[in-house]
Amino acid sequence: MCFWRQVRNVYLRCGHAINIPDELIVCDSSRCKFSPNHPASCLPPTCKQSCCQYRQYPQQYSPNINRFCPTCEQAGHR
């Protein structure tokens, strides 16, 4: 199923966090109405019974990066 990926980078040296824009991850399933492989001929009411009608919950990542954030690096922190 298709889903959104949400990433928040946490910079350990300064403690700042930056949210990366959400990214749509598209699946290859013909049974997902959001997939590019979903046939145009699959229409309600059959589609509602046989295909996923919603995206999965977003994947959420929060990697801890052992350095300063880009703003602090530009300010000269090392």
Protein backbone atom coordinates (compact mmCIF):
# COMPACT_ATOMS: atom_id res chain seq x y z
CA MET A 1 0.00 0.00 0.00
CA CYS A 2 1.06 3.56 -0.60
CA PHE A 3 2.09 5.63 2.42
CA TRP A 4 3.73 8.86 3.49
CA ARG A 5 7.21 8.92 5.00
CA GLN A 6 7.93 11.57 7.65
CA VAL A 7 11.51 12.30 8.71
CA ARG A 8 12.71 14.56 11.53
CA ASN A 9 16.50 14.85 11.72
CA VAL A 10 17.77 15.43 15.26
CA TYR A 11 21.23 17.03 15.48
CA LEU A 12 22.91 15.92 18.71
CA ARG A 13 25.69 18.54 18.88
CA CYS A 14 23.29 21.51 19.01
CA GLY A 15 20.00 19.84 19.97
CA HIS A 16 18.08 21.23 17.00
CA ALA A 17 15.64 19.18 14.93
CA ILE A 18 14.61 19.72 11.31
CA ASN A 19 11.54 18.23 9.67
CA ILE A 20 12.17 17.01 6.14
CA PRO A 21 9.20 17.47 3.75
CA ASP A 22 6.90 14.44 3.71
CA GLU A 23 7.57 12.00 0.90
CA LEU A 24 4.88 9.88 -0.75
CA ILE A 25 6.02 6.28 -1.17
CA VAL A 26 4.08 4.68 -4.02
CA CYS A 27 3.55 0.91 -4.11
CA ASP A 28 3.32 -1.33 -7.16
CA SER A 29 0.10 -3.07 -6.18
CA SER A 30 -2.79 -3.22 -8.61
CA ARG A 31 -5.06 -3.56 -5.54
CA CYS A 32 -4.23 -0.10 -4.17
CA LYS A 33 -6.34 2.70 -5.64
CA PHE A 34 -3.44 5.18 -5.18
CA SER A 35 -0.93 3.04 -7.09
CA PRO A 36 0.01 3.86 -10.68
CA ASN A 37 -0.62 0.14 -11.39
CA HIS A 38 -4.27 0.34 -10.33
CA PRO A 39 -6.31 -0.29 -13.50
CA ALA A 40 -8.52 2.57 -14.69
CA SER A 41 -11.19 -0.02 -15.40
CA CYS A 42 -11.47 -0.88 -11.67
CA LEU A 43 -14.46 1.19 -10.56
CA PRO A 44 -16.91 1.26 -7.64
CA PRO A 45 -18.58 -0.74 -6.27
CA THR A 46 -16.16 -3.57 -7.14
CA CYS A 47 -13.11 -1.40 -6.43
CA LYS A 48 -14.33 -0.58 -2.92
CA GLN A 49 -14.68 -4.29 -2.14
CA SER A 50 -11.42 -5.54 -3.66
CA CYS A 51 -8.92 -2.66 -3.42
CA CYS A 52 -7.36 -0.65 -0.58
CA GLN A 53 -9.21 2.65 -0.25
CA TYR A 54 -6.77 4.38 2.10
CA ARG A 55 -3.05 4.84 2.59
CA GLN A 56 -1.22 3.13 5.42
CA TYR A 57 -0.17 5.09 8.49
CA PRO A 58 2.89 7.21 7.76
CA GLN A 59 6.33 5.80 8.45
CA GLN A 60 8.05 8.07 10.92
CA TYR A 61 11.83 8.25 11.30
CA SER A 62 13.85 10.40 13.66
CA PRO A 63 17.53 9.73 13.03
CA ASN A 64 20.02 11.10 15.57
CA ILE A 65 22.88 12.78 13.70
CA ASN A 66 26.09 13.43 15.64
CA ARG A 67 26.87 16.88 14.25
CA PHE A 68 25.55 20.44 14.19
CA CYS A 69 22.47 21.32 12.15
CA PRO A 70 23.04 23.15 8.85
CA THR A 71 22.12 26.52 10.41
CA CYS A 72 24.63 26.12 13.24
CA GLU A 73 27.32 24.94 10.81
CA GLN A 74 26.78 28.07 8.70
CA ALA A 75 27.11 30.15 11.89
CA GLY A 76 30.57 28.68 12.36
CA HIS A 77 29.97 26.12 15.09
CA ARG A 78 32.33 23.17 14.75
